[in-house]
């Protein structure tokens, strides 16, 4: 049985929907979570680490290592965009949980990613739920990483739709566009799940009430931390529910039959007012000139998702906990 379980490292900036994704992963029988690596995004990296340790304690899974990731972008940028207005100042709905007892391991996220890919060549899936700095650093550190890593499922990009930070950019790519461009052009097996797909997956106010009323440990916890997240979505998008970005990406990484995807090259704009824009090139036309697009490897980009199936899986796994 053990061999059949998919080894997953979740690179995360918890985050309300990160918490959901982590719990869903821990409740998935076909998954072995072999580690969490942390990154800034919803909160700063230090707090992301604290939240990751806290969530594993809530889940009773302190056996899973947490490796702390980068505090700066790949170009050493320190002016980070933190989405605390979406998830609460503490990243978990302003519940002010007591600090976790556990600590991150000695290795940093990059070292951990490289080590695990070397230990289990072709077997580890990285589910990247924040800016891609840690992944890009692993690619730079070890030339064999792109071959050793199984798949990198990236929550990121806004393919042919407006972004959610500004009209051009989605938050995770905007968080470190240079890192994202390194990852997308690395030649690794990459599946990008953008907000063009995750905005189709909505957990409604009614679903939330079902979570609150269920006996599931994770369901109760999640429904408790969701106030800020729901308020933000009601205000920003005028919808009666929340988008399930992170749980969707996680579930799709486990079961690709939940989506359809197209393949082509993806580049990321790194400067100007479209900084963070993800542009997909379908390779249908061969251009004569040599450009920044020539000979770039293809990645998979999700185009449709079975939203009801994703929501059903999320609900079931949180309630049966």
C-alpha atoms as a PDB file:
ATOM      1  CA  UNK A   1       0.000   0.000   0.000  1.00  0.00           C
ATOM      2  CA  UNK A   2       2.726   2.472   1.013  1.00  0.00           C
ATOM      3  CA  UNK A   3       4.248   2.446  -2.468  1.00  0.00           C
ATOM      4  CA  UNK A   4       0.977   3.494  -4.024  1.00  0.00           C
ATOM      5  CA  UNK A   5       0.689   6.673  -1.980  1.00  0.00           C
ATOM      6  CA  UNK A   6       1.830   9.818  -3.711  1.00  0.00           C
ATOM      7  CA  UNK A   7       4.660  11.604  -1.892  1.00  0.00           C
ATOM      8  CA  UNK A   8       3.821  15.281  -1.602  1.00  0.00           C
ATOM      9  CA  UNK A   9       5.668  18.333  -0.309  1.00  0.00           C
ATOM     10  CA  UNK A  10       3.406  21.339   0.189  1.00  0.00           C
ATOM     11  CA  UNK A  11       5.158  24.676  -0.281  1.00  0.00           C
ATOM     12  CA  UNK A  12       2.850  27.000   1.593  1.00  0.00           C
ATOM     13  CA  UNK A  13       2.127  30.425   3.084  1.00  0.00           C
ATOM     14  CA  UNK A  14      -0.762  29.552   5.446  1.00  0.00           C
ATOM     15  CA  UNK A  15      -3.378  31.208   4.825  1.00  0.00           C
ATOM     16  CA  UNK A  16      -6.964  30.060   5.294  1.00  0.00           C
ATOM     17  CA  UNK A  17      -7.216  28.119   2.035  1.00  0.00           C
ATOM     18  CA  UNK A  18      -3.691  26.755   2.632  1.00  0.00           C
ATOM     19  CA  UNK A  19      -4.958  25.363   5.936  1.00  0.00           C
ATOM     20  CA  UNK A  20      -7.807  23.693   4.049  1.00  0.00           C
ATOM     21  CA  UNK A  21      -5.407  22.248   1.474  1.00  0.00           C
ATOM     22  CA  UNK A  22      -3.075  20.891   4.168  1.00  0.00           C
ATOM     23  CA  UNK A  23      -5.947  19.246   6.061  1.00  0.00           C
ATOM     24  CA  UNK A  24      -7.405  17.809   2.838  1.00  0.00           C
ATOM     25  CA  UNK A  25      -3.972  16.362   1.987  1.00  0.00           C
ATOM     26  CA  UNK A  26      -3.637  14.792   5.434  1.00  0.00           C
ATOM     27  CA  UNK A  27      -7.101  13.237   5.017  1.00  0.00           C
ATOM     28  CA  UNK A  28      -6.363  11.870   1.548  1.00  0.00           C
ATOM     29  CA  UNK A  29      -5.711   8.126   1.715  1.00  0.00           C
ATOM     30  CA  UNK A  30      -3.645   8.136  -1.475  1.00  0.00           C
ATOM     31  CA  UNK A  31      -1.224  10.790  -0.224  1.00  0.00           C
ATOM     32  CA  UNK A  32       1.820  10.796   2.003  1.00  0.00           C
ATOM     33  CA  UNK A  33       2.724  14.344   3.015  1.00  0.00           C
ATOM     34  CA  UNK A  34       6.508  14.136   3.461  1.00  0.00           C
ATOM     35  CA  UNK A  35       7.033  17.761   4.440  1.00  0.00           C
ATOM     36  CA  UNK A  36       5.848  21.345   4.424  1.00  0.00           C
ATOM     37  CA  UNK A  37       8.103  24.129   3.187  1.00  0.00           C
ATOM     38  CA  UNK A  38       7.175  27.720   3.962  1.00  0.00           C
ATOM     39  CA  UNK A  39       7.174  30.925   1.981  1.00  0.00           C
ATOM     40  CA  UNK A  40       5.891  34.493   2.320  1.00  0.00           C
ATOM     41  CA  UNK A  41       2.647  35.483   0.580  1.00  0.00           C
ATOM     42  CA  UNK A  42      -0.443  35.531   2.742  1.00  0.00           C
ATOM     43  CA  UNK A  43       1.885  36.283   5.674  1.00  0.00           C
ATOM     44  CA  UNK A  44       5.631  36.758   6.116  1.00  0.00           C
ATOM     45  CA  UNK A  45       7.780  33.605   6.058  1.00  0.00           C
ATOM     46  CA  UNK A  46       8.379  33.507   9.831  1.00  0.00           C
ATOM     47  CA  UNK A  47       4.642  33.502  10.478  1.00  0.00           C
ATOM     48  CA  UNK A  48       4.071  31.019   7.636  1.00  0.00           C
ATOM     49  CA  UNK A  49       6.404  28.614   9.458  1.00  0.00           C
ATOM     50  CA  UNK A  50       4.626  29.186  12.750  1.00  0.00           C
ATOM     51  CA  UNK A  51       1.241  28.581  11.090  1.00  0.00           C
ATOM     52  CA  UNK A  52       2.466  25.430   9.331  1.00  0.00           C
ATOM     53  CA  UNK A  53       3.713  24.017  12.659  1.00  0.00           C
ATOM     54  CA  UNK A  54       0.445  25.035  14.330  1.00  0.00           C
ATOM     55  CA  UNK A  55      -1.695  23.313  11.676  1.00  0.00           C
ATOM     56  CA  UNK A  56       0.314  20.084  11.978  1.00  0.00           C
ATOM     57  CA  UNK A  57      -0.191  20.206  15.756  1.00  0.00           C
ATOM     58  CA  UNK A  58      -3.946  20.690  15.287  1.00  0.00           C
ATOM     59  CA  UNK A  59      -3.875  17.677  12.957  1.00  0.00           C
ATOM     60  CA  UNK A  60      -1.797  15.575  15.359  1.00  0.00           C
ATOM     61  CA  UNK A  61       0.888  15.180  12.671  1.00  0.00           C
ATOM     62  CA  UNK A  62       3.985  16.711  14.243  1.00  0.00           C
ATOM     63  CA  UNK A  63       5.929  13.818  12.659  1.00  0.00           C
ATOM     64  CA  UNK A  64       5.858  15.800   9.382  1.00  0.00           C
ATOM     65  CA  UNK A  65       8.884  18.100   9.026  1.00  0.00           C
ATOM     66  CA  UNK A  66       8.529  21.826   8.352  1.00  0.00           C
ATOM     67  CA  UNK A  67      11.409  23.499   6.504  1.00  0.00           C
ATOM     68  CA  UNK A  68      11.497  27.287   6.513  1.00  0.00           C
ATOM     69  CA  UNK A  69      11.820  28.954   3.143  1.00  0.00           C
ATOM     70  CA  UNK A  70      13.117  32.212   1.782  1.00  0.00           C
ATOM     71  CA  UNK A  71      12.333  35.554   3.425  1.00  0.00           C
ATOM     72  CA  UNK A  72      13.167  37.520   0.267  1.00  0.00           C
ATOM     73  CA  UNK A  73      12.477  37.179  -3.451  1.00  0.00           C
ATOM     74  CA  UNK A  74      14.946  35.500  -5.795  1.00  0.00           C
ATOM     75  CA  UNK A  75      16.371  38.943  -6.650  1.00  0.00           C
ATOM     76  CA  UNK A  76      16.687  39.681  -2.907  1.00  0.00           C
ATOM     77  CA  UNK A  77      13.647  41.926  -2.908  1.00  0.00           C
ATOM     78  CA  UNK A  78      12.432  42.645   0.615  1.00  0.00           C
ATOM     79  CA  UNK A  79       9.377  44.726  -0.239  1.00  0.00           C
ATOM     80  CA  UNK A  80       6.963  41.817  -0.161  1.00  0.00           C
ATOM     81  CA  UNK A  81       3.258  41.925  -0.876  1.00  0.00           C
ATOM     82  CA  UNK A  82       1.502  40.285   2.079  1.00  0.00           C
ATOM     83  CA  UNK A  83      -2.208  39.467   1.793  1.00  0.00           C
ATOM     84  CA  UNK A  84      -3.076  39.790   5.481  1.00  0.00           C
ATOM     85  CA  UNK A  85      -6.248  41.702   4.536  1.00  0.00           C
ATOM     86  CA  UNK A  86      -7.525  38.490   2.920  1.00  0.00           C
ATOM     87  CA  UNK A  87      -6.585  35.974   5.619  1.00  0.00           C
ATOM     88  CA  UNK A  88      -6.240  38.059   8.785  1.00  0.00           C
ATOM     89  CA  UNK A  89      -3.096  39.546  10.320  1.00  0.00           C
ATOM     90  CA  UNK A  90      -2.121  36.128  11.684  1.00  0.00           C
ATOM     91  CA  UNK A  91      -3.006  34.413   8.395  1.00  0.00           C
ATOM     92  CA  UNK A  92      -5.591  32.256  10.146  1.00  0.00           C
ATOM     93  CA  UNK A  93      -8.581  34.525  10.553  1.00  0.00           C
ATOM     94  CA  UNK A  94      -7.246  36.517  13.537  1.00  0.00           C
ATOM     95  CA  UNK A  95      -7.842  33.687  16.012  1.00  0.00           C
ATOM     96  CA  UNK A  96      -4.577  34.366  17.846  1.00  0.00           C
ATOM     97  CA  UNK A  97      -3.781  30.723  18.449  1.00  0.00           C
ATOM     98  CA  UNK A  98      -1.062  29.963  21.023  1.00  0.00           C
ATOM     99  CA  UNK A  99       2.398  29.523  19.481  1.00  0.00           C
ATOM    100  CA  UNK A 100       3.230  25.985  18.362  1.00  0.00           C
ATOM    101  CA  UNK A 101       5.549  23.866  20.461  1.00  0.00           C
ATOM    102  CA  UNK A 102       7.370  22.414  17.468  1.00  0.00           C
ATOM    103  CA  UNK A 103      10.215  23.983  15.516  1.00  0.00           C
ATOM    104  CA  UNK A 104      11.236  23.976  11.885  1.00  0.00           C
ATOM    105  CA  UNK A 105      14.017  21.546  10.946  1.00  0.00           C
ATOM    106  CA  UNK A 106      17.615  22.745  10.528  1.00  0.00           C
ATOM    107  CA  UNK A 107      17.500  22.445   6.747  1.00  0.00           C
ATOM    108  CA  UNK A 108      15.972  25.316   4.847  1.00  0.00           C
ATOM    109  CA  UNK A 109      13.248  24.733   2.285  1.00  0.00           C
ATOM    110  CA  UNK A 110      15.596  24.700  -0.705  1.00  0.00           C
ATOM    111  CA  UNK A 111      17.901  22.117   0.870  1.00  0.00           C
ATOM    112  CA  UNK A 112      14.912  19.988   1.898  1.00  0.00           C
ATOM    113  CA  UNK A 113      13.368  20.093  -1.601  1.00  0.00           C
ATOM    114  CA  UNK A 114      16.662  19.128  -3.261  1.00  0.00           C
ATOM    115  CA  UNK A 115      17.299  16.353  -0.730  1.00  0.00           C
ATOM    116  CA  UNK A 116      13.836  14.788  -1.064  1.00  0.00           C
ATOM    117  CA  UNK A 117      13.960  14.921  -4.881  1.00  0.00           C
ATOM    118  CA  UNK A 118      17.327  13.127  -4.720  1.00  0.00           C
ATOM    119  CA  UNK A 119      16.055  10.553  -2.240  1.00  0.00           C
ATOM    120  CA  UNK A 120      12.959   9.656  -4.279  1.00  0.00           C
ATOM    121  CA  UNK A 121      13.729  10.505  -7.901  1.00  0.00           C
ATOM    122  CA  UNK A 122      10.572  10.945  -9.949  1.00  0.00           C
ATOM    123  CA  UNK A 123       8.312  10.237  -6.992  1.00  0.00           C
ATOM    124  CA  UNK A 124       7.832  13.562  -5.225  1.00  0.00           C
ATOM    125  CA  UNK A 125       5.130  16.023  -6.212  1.00  0.00           C
ATOM    126  CA  UNK A 126       5.593  19.582  -5.000  1.00  0.00           C
ATOM    127  CA  UNK A 127       2.336  21.462  -4.527  1.00  0.00           C
ATOM    128  CA  UNK A 128       3.384  25.117  -4.636  1.00  0.00           C
ATOM    129  CA  UNK A 129       0.728  27.309  -3.033  1.00  0.00           C
ATOM    130  CA  UNK A 130       2.682  30.574  -2.712  1.00  0.00           C
ATOM    131  CA  UNK A 131       5.281  32.605  -4.614  1.00  0.00           C
ATOM    132  CA  UNK A 132       7.786  30.307  -6.329  1.00  0.00           C
ATOM    133  CA  UNK A 133      11.013  31.495  -4.681  1.00  0.00           C
ATOM    134  CA  UNK A 134      11.851  28.224  -2.897  1.00  0.00           C
ATOM    135  CA  UNK A 135      11.259  26.171  -6.033  1.00  0.00           C
ATOM    136  CA  UNK A 136      13.375  28.486  -8.203  1.00  0.00           C
ATOM    137  CA  UNK A 137      16.181  28.339  -5.619  1.00  0.00           C
ATOM    138  CA  UNK A 138      16.068  24.528  -5.691  1.00  0.00           C
ATOM    139  CA  UNK A 139      16.302  24.615  -9.505  1.00  0.00           C
ATOM    140  CA  UNK A 140      19.315  26.927  -9.291  1.00  0.00           C
ATOM    141  CA  UNK A 141      20.994  24.966  -6.517  1.00  0.00           C
ATOM    142  CA  UNK A 142      20.846  21.519  -8.100  1.00  0.00           C
ATOM    143  CA  UNK A 143      20.894  21.089 -11.894  1.00  0.00           C
ATOM    144  CA  UNK A 144      19.402  17.601 -11.418  1.00  0.00           C
ATOM    145  CA  UNK A 145      16.385  18.905  -9.485  1.00  0.00           C
ATOM    146  CA  UNK A 146      14.186  19.400 -12.568  1.00  0.00           C
ATOM    147  CA  UNK A 147      14.747  15.762 -13.567  1.00  0.00           C
ATOM    148  CA  UNK A 148      14.505  14.359 -10.028  1.00  0.00           C
ATOM    149  CA  UNK A 149      11.321  16.090  -8.991  1.00  0.00           C
ATOM    150  CA  UNK A 150       8.165  14.249 -10.092  1.00  0.00           C
ATOM    151  CA  UNK A 151       5.768  17.091 -10.763  1.00  0.00           C
ATOM    152  CA  UNK A 152       5.421  20.673  -9.608  1.00  0.00           C
ATOM    153  CA  UNK A 153       1.777  21.678  -9.321  1.00  0.00           C
ATOM    154  CA  UNK A 154       1.724  25.462  -9.202  1.00  0.00           C
ATOM    155  CA  UNK A 155      -1.157  27.537  -7.950  1.00  0.00           C
ATOM    156  CA  UNK A 156      -0.468  30.592 -10.015  1.00  0.00           C
ATOM    157  CA  UNK A 157      -1.159  32.720 -13.010  1.00  0.00           C
ATOM    158  CA  UNK A 158      -4.237  34.168 -14.626  1.00  0.00           C
ATOM    159  CA  UNK A 159      -4.408  32.732 -18.105  1.00  0.00           C
ATOM    160  CA  UNK A 160      -6.568  34.922 -20.357  1.00  0.00           C
ATOM    161  CA  UNK A 161      -8.419  36.445 -17.389  1.00  0.00           C
ATOM    162  CA  UNK A 162      -7.680  39.443 -15.172  1.00  0.00           C
ATOM    163  CA  UNK A 163      -5.370  38.963 -12.205  1.00  0.00           C
ATOM    164  CA  UNK A 164      -6.366  39.306  -8.559  1.00  0.00           C
ATOM    165  CA  UNK A 165      -3.609  41.710  -7.455  1.00  0.00           C
ATOM    166  CA  UNK A 166      -4.186  43.994 -10.423  1.00  0.00           C
ATOM    167  CA  UNK A 167      -5.657  43.402 -13.888  1.00  0.00           C
ATOM    168  CA  UNK A 168      -2.420  41.796 -15.114  1.00  0.00           C
ATOM    169  CA  UNK A 169      -1.234  39.613 -12.263  1.00  0.00           C
ATOM    170  CA  UNK A 170      -2.210  36.818  -9.938  1.00  0.00           C
ATOM    171  CA  UNK A 171      -0.876  37.091  -6.386  1.00  0.00           C
ATOM    172  CA  UNK A 172       1.566  34.159  -6.249  1.00  0.00           C
ATOM    173  CA  UNK A 173       3.270  35.027  -9.522  1.00  0.00           C
ATOM    174  CA  UNK A 174       3.260  38.730  -8.613  1.00  0.00           C
ATOM    175  CA  UNK A 175       4.960  37.800  -5.325  1.00  0.00           C
ATOM    176  CA  UNK A 176       8.124  36.788  -7.212  1.00  0.00           C
ATOM    177  CA  UNK A 177       7.794  37.060 -10.996  1.00  0.00           C
ATOM    178  CA  UNK A 178      11.494  36.343 -11.609  1.00  0.00           C
ATOM    179  CA  UNK A 179      11.268  33.079  -9.672  1.00  0.00           C
ATOM    180  CA  UNK A 180       8.096  32.129 -11.549  1.00  0.00           C
ATOM    181  CA  UNK A 181       9.782  32.655 -14.915  1.00  0.00           C
ATOM    182  CA  UNK A 182      12.704  30.443 -13.813  1.00  0.00           C
ATOM    183  CA  UNK A 183      10.285  27.688 -12.775  1.00  0.00           C
ATOM    184  CA  UNK A 184       8.113  27.849 -15.913  1.00  0.00           C
ATOM    185  CA  UNK A 185      11.121  27.713 -18.245  1.00  0.00           C
ATOM    186  CA  UNK A 186      13.061  25.083 -16.246  1.00  0.00           C
ATOM    187  CA  UNK A 187      11.924  22.000 -18.153  1.00  0.00           C
ATOM    188  CA  UNK A 188      10.445  20.363 -15.050  1.00  0.00           C
ATOM    189  CA  UNK A 189       7.055  18.630 -15.279  1.00  0.00           C
ATOM    190  CA  UNK A 190       4.852  21.572 -14.361  1.00  0.00           C
ATOM    191  CA  UNK A 191       1.110  21.890 -14.050  1.00  0.00           C
ATOM    192  CA  UNK A 192      -0.077  25.466 -13.607  1.00  0.00           C
ATOM    193  CA  UNK A 193      -3.484  25.927 -12.019  1.00  0.00           C
ATOM    194  CA  UNK A 194      -4.462  29.561 -12.492  1.00  0.00           C
ATOM    195  CA  UNK A 195      -7.269  31.685 -11.153  1.00  0.00           C
ATOM    196  CA  UNK A 196      -9.034  31.201 -14.490  1.00  0.00           C
ATOM    197  CA  UNK A 197      -9.679  27.699 -13.091  1.00  0.00           C
ATOM    198  CA  UNK A 198      -9.772  28.204  -9.307  1.00  0.00           C
ATOM    199  CA  UNK A 199     -12.376  30.975  -9.593  1.00  0.00           C
ATOM    200  CA  UNK A 200     -14.758  28.288 -10.840  1.00  0.00           C
ATOM    201  CA  UNK A 201     -14.461  26.429  -7.533  1.00  0.00           C
ATOM    202  CA  UNK A 202     -16.566  28.123  -4.871  1.00  0.00           C
ATOM    203  CA  UNK A 203     -17.270  27.012  -1.317  1.00  0.00           C
ATOM    204  CA  UNK A 204     -20.592  28.698  -0.567  1.00  0.00           C
ATOM    205  CA  UNK A 205     -21.910  30.219   2.632  1.00  0.00           C
ATOM    206  CA  UNK A 206     -24.209  27.187   2.859  1.00  0.00           C
ATOM    207  CA  UNK A 207     -21.232  24.813   2.554  1.00  0.00           C
ATOM    208  CA  UNK A 208     -19.541  26.678   5.354  1.00  0.00           C
ATOM    209  CA  UNK A 209     -22.559  26.185   7.593  1.00  0.00           C
ATOM    210  CA  UNK A 210     -22.412  22.467   6.876  1.00  0.00           C
ATOM    211  CA  UNK A 211     -18.757  22.444   7.944  1.00  0.00           C
ATOM    212  CA  UNK A 212     -19.592  24.308  11.152  1.00  0.00           C
ATOM    213  CA  UNK A 213     -22.385  21.867  12.004  1.00  0.00           C
ATOM    214  CA  UNK A 214     -20.447  18.701  11.211  1.00  0.00           C
ATOM    215  CA  UNK A 215     -18.510  16.696  13.771  1.00  0.00           C
ATOM    216  CA  UNK A 216     -15.311  16.760  11.749  1.00  0.00           C
ATOM    217  CA  UNK A 217     -12.374  18.168  13.701  1.00  0.00           C
ATOM    218  CA  UNK A 218     -10.911  19.893  10.616  1.00  0.00           C
ATOM    219  CA  UNK A 219     -14.338  21.053   9.421  1.00  0.00           C
ATOM    220  CA  UNK A 220     -14.983  22.814  12.726  1.00  0.00           C
ATOM    221  CA  UNK A 221     -11.514  24.378  12.772  1.00  0.00           C
ATOM    222  CA  UNK A 222     -11.797  25.654   9.187  1.00  0.00           C
ATOM    223  CA  UNK A 223     -15.286  27.088   9.639  1.00  0.00           C
ATOM    224  CA  UNK A 224     -13.990  28.944  12.701  1.00  0.00           C
ATOM    225  CA  UNK A 225     -11.087  30.654  10.913  1.00  0.00           C
ATOM    226  CA  UNK A 226     -13.079  31.627   7.830  1.00  0.00           C
ATOM    227  CA  UNK A 227     -14.772  34.893   8.856  1.00  0.00           C
ATOM    228  CA  UNK A 228     -12.161  37.274   7.458  1.00  0.00           C
ATOM    229  CA  UNK A 229     -11.803  35.213   4.287  1.00  0.00           C
ATOM    230  CA  UNK A 230     -15.557  35.186   3.648  1.00  0.00           C
ATOM    231  CA  UNK A 231     -15.894  38.922   4.400  1.00  0.00           C
ATOM    232  CA  UNK A 232     -13.100  39.674   1.930  1.00  0.00           C
ATOM    233  CA  UNK A 233     -14.754  37.645  -0.851  1.00  0.00           C
ATOM    234  CA  UNK A 234     -18.184  39.178  -0.178  1.00  0.00           C
ATOM    235  CA  UNK A 235     -16.648  42.666  -0.497  1.00  0.00           C
ATOM    236  CA  UNK A 236     -14.072  42.166  -3.247  1.00  0.00           C
ATOM    237  CA  UNK A 237     -15.993  39.860  -5.575  1.00  0.00           C
ATOM    238  CA  UNK A 238     -19.580  40.256  -4.459  1.00  0.00           C
ATOM    239  CA  UNK A 239     -20.008  36.465  -4.243  1.00  0.00           C
ATOM    240  CA  UNK A 240     -21.646  34.421  -1.504  1.00  0.00           C
ATOM    241  CA  UNK A 241     -18.750  32.117  -0.977  1.00  0.00           C
ATOM    242  CA  UNK A 242     -14.960  31.824  -1.248  1.00  0.00           C
ATOM    243  CA  UNK A 243     -12.649  30.577  -3.959  1.00  0.00           C
ATOM    244  CA  UNK A 244     -10.849  27.325  -3.191  1.00  0.00           C
ATOM    245  CA  UNK A 245      -7.510  28.093  -4.851  1.00  0.00           C
ATOM    246  CA  UNK A 246      -5.216  25.954  -2.715  1.00  0.00           C
ATOM    247  CA  UNK A 247      -7.432  22.882  -2.150  1.00  0.00           C
ATOM    248  CA  UNK A 248      -8.167  22.769  -5.895  1.00  0.00           C
ATOM    249  CA  UNK A 249      -4.472  22.776  -6.786  1.00  0.00           C
ATOM    250  CA  UNK A 250      -3.748  20.107  -4.207  1.00  0.00           C
ATOM    251  CA  UNK A 251      -6.553  17.792  -5.357  1.00  0.00           C
ATOM    252  CA  UNK A 252      -5.664  18.251  -9.011  1.00  0.00           C
ATOM    253  CA  UNK A 253      -2.052  17.316  -8.228  1.00  0.00           C
ATOM    254  CA  UNK A 254      -3.341  14.078  -6.693  1.00  0.00           C
ATOM    255  CA  UNK A 255      -5.958  13.374  -9.371  1.00  0.00           C
ATOM    256  CA  UNK A 256      -5.346  15.044 -12.755  1.00  0.00           C
ATOM    257  CA  UNK A 257      -8.645  13.649 -14.083  1.00  0.00           C
ATOM    258  CA  UNK A 258     -10.353  16.532 -12.231  1.00  0.00           C
ATOM    259  CA  UNK A 259      -9.102  18.961 -14.885  1.00  0.00           C
ATOM    260  CA  UNK A 260      -8.318  19.324 -18.543  1.00  0.00           C
ATOM    261  CA  UNK A 261      -5.173  21.140 -19.560  1.00  0.00           C
ATOM    262  CA  UNK A 262      -3.387  22.528 -22.579  1.00  0.00           C
ATOM    263  CA  UNK A 263       0.366  22.504 -23.173  1.00  0.00           C
ATOM    264  CA  UNK A 264       2.738  25.206 -24.298  1.00  0.00           C
ATOM    265  CA  UNK A 265       5.397  27.630 -23.146  1.00  0.00           C
ATOM    266  CA  UNK A 266       4.729  30.103 -20.342  1.00  0.00           C
ATOM    267  CA  UNK A 267       6.752  33.248 -19.727  1.00  0.00           C
ATOM    268  CA  UNK A 268       6.309  35.761 -16.926  1.00  0.00           C
ATOM    269  CA  UNK A 269       6.621  39.511 -17.353  1.00  0.00           C
ATOM    270  CA  UNK A 270       9.080  40.773 -14.730  1.00  0.00           C
ATOM    271  CA  UNK A 271       8.919  44.561 -15.172  1.00  0.00           C
ATOM    272  CA  UNK A 272       6.504  47.396 -15.734  1.00  0.00           C
ATOM    273  CA  UNK A 273       2.775  47.671 -15.162  1.00  0.00           C
ATOM    274  CA  UNK A 274       2.213  44.082 -16.306  1.00  0.00           C
ATOM    275  CA  UNK A 275       4.819  42.684 -13.890  1.00  0.00           C
ATOM    276  CA  UNK A 276       3.626  39.198 -12.903  1.00  0.00           C
ATOM    277  CA  UNK A 277       1.636  38.611 -16.099  1.00  0.00           C
ATOM    278  CA  UNK A 278       1.694  34.967 -17.221  1.00  0.00           C
ATOM    279  CA  UNK A 279       1.625  34.598 -20.988  1.00  0.00           C
ATOM    280  CA  UNK A 280       0.884  31.251 -22.592  1.00  0.00           C
ATOM    281  CA  UNK A 281       2.251  30.414 -26.053  1.00  0.00           C
ATOM    282  CA  UNK A 282       0.463  27.457 -27.640  1.00  0.00           C
ATOM    283  CA  UNK A 283       3.343  26.712 -30.072  1.00  0.00           C
ATOM    284  CA  UNK A 284       0.933  26.456 -32.986  1.00  0.00           C
ATOM    285  CA  UNK A 285       2.887  28.972 -35.006  1.00  0.00           C
ATOM    286  CA  UNK A 286       6.609  28.531 -35.618  1.00  0.00           C
ATOM    287  CA  UNK A 287       8.289  31.906 -35.579  1.00  0.00           C
ATOM    288  CA  UNK A 288      11.342  32.374 -37.791  1.00  0.00           C
ATOM    289  CA  UNK A 289      13.210  34.769 -35.499  1.00  0.00           C
ATOM    290  CA  UNK A 290      15.043  33.627 -32.394  1.00  0.00           C
ATOM    291  CA  UNK A 291      13.342  35.254 -29.382  1.00  0.00           C
ATOM    292  CA  UNK A 292      12.861  34.834 -25.636  1.00  0.00           C
ATOM    293  CA  UNK A 293      10.202  32.273 -26.553  1.00  0.00           C
ATOM    294  CA  UNK A 294      12.348  30.057 -28.770  1.00  0.00           C
ATOM    295  CA  UNK A 295      13.082  26.513 -27.581  1.00  0.00           C
ATOM    296  CA  UNK A 296      11.341  26.993 -24.259  1.00  0.00           C
ATOM    297  CA  UNK A 297       9.985  23.799 -22.718  1.00  0.00           C
ATOM    298  CA  UNK A 298       6.249  23.206 -22.523  1.00  0.00           C
ATOM    299  CA  UNK A 299       4.253  23.231 -19.314  1.00  0.00           C
ATOM    300  CA  UNK A 300       0.709  22.072 -18.647  1.00  0.00           C
ATOM    301  CA  UNK A 301      -1.839  24.808 -18.008  1.00  0.00           C
ATOM    302  CA  UNK A 302      -5.242  23.866 -16.570  1.00  0.00           C
ATOM    303  CA  UNK A 303      -8.206  25.095 -18.611  1.00  0.00           C
ATOM    304  CA  UNK A 304     -11.269  23.422 -17.092  1.00  0.00           C
ATOM    305  CA  UNK A 305     -12.018  21.889 -13.711  1.00  0.00           C
ATOM    306  CA  UNK A 306     -14.723  19.613 -12.365  1.00  0.00           C
ATOM    307  CA  UNK A 307     -15.702  22.141  -9.701  1.00  0.00           C
ATOM    308  CA  UNK A 308     -18.524  20.145  -8.046  1.00  0.00           C
ATOM    309  CA  UNK A 309     -16.202  17.145  -7.637  1.00  0.00           C
ATOM    310  CA  UNK A 310     -13.503  19.312  -6.044  1.00  0.00           C
ATOM    311  CA  UNK A 311     -15.926  20.945  -3.597  1.00  0.00           C
ATOM    312  CA  UNK A 312     -17.405  17.540  -2.737  1.00  0.00           C
ATOM    313  CA  UNK A 313     -13.953  16.088  -1.997  1.00  0.00           C
ATOM    314  CA  UNK A 314     -12.987  19.078   0.140  1.00  0.00           C
ATOM    315  CA  UNK A 315     -16.225  18.889   2.117  1.00  0.00           C
ATOM    316  CA  UNK A 316     -15.982  15.116   2.622  1.00  0.00           C
ATOM    317  CA  UNK A 317     -12.360  15.156   3.735  1.00  0.00           C
ATOM    318  CA  UNK A 318     -12.869  18.017   6.175  1.00  0.00           C
ATOM    319  CA  UNK A 319     -16.075  16.553   7.616  1.00  0.00           C
ATOM    320  CA  UNK A 320     -14.727  13.000   7.948  1.00  0.00           C
ATOM    321  CA  UNK A 321     -11.922  14.056  10.251  1.00  0.00           C
END
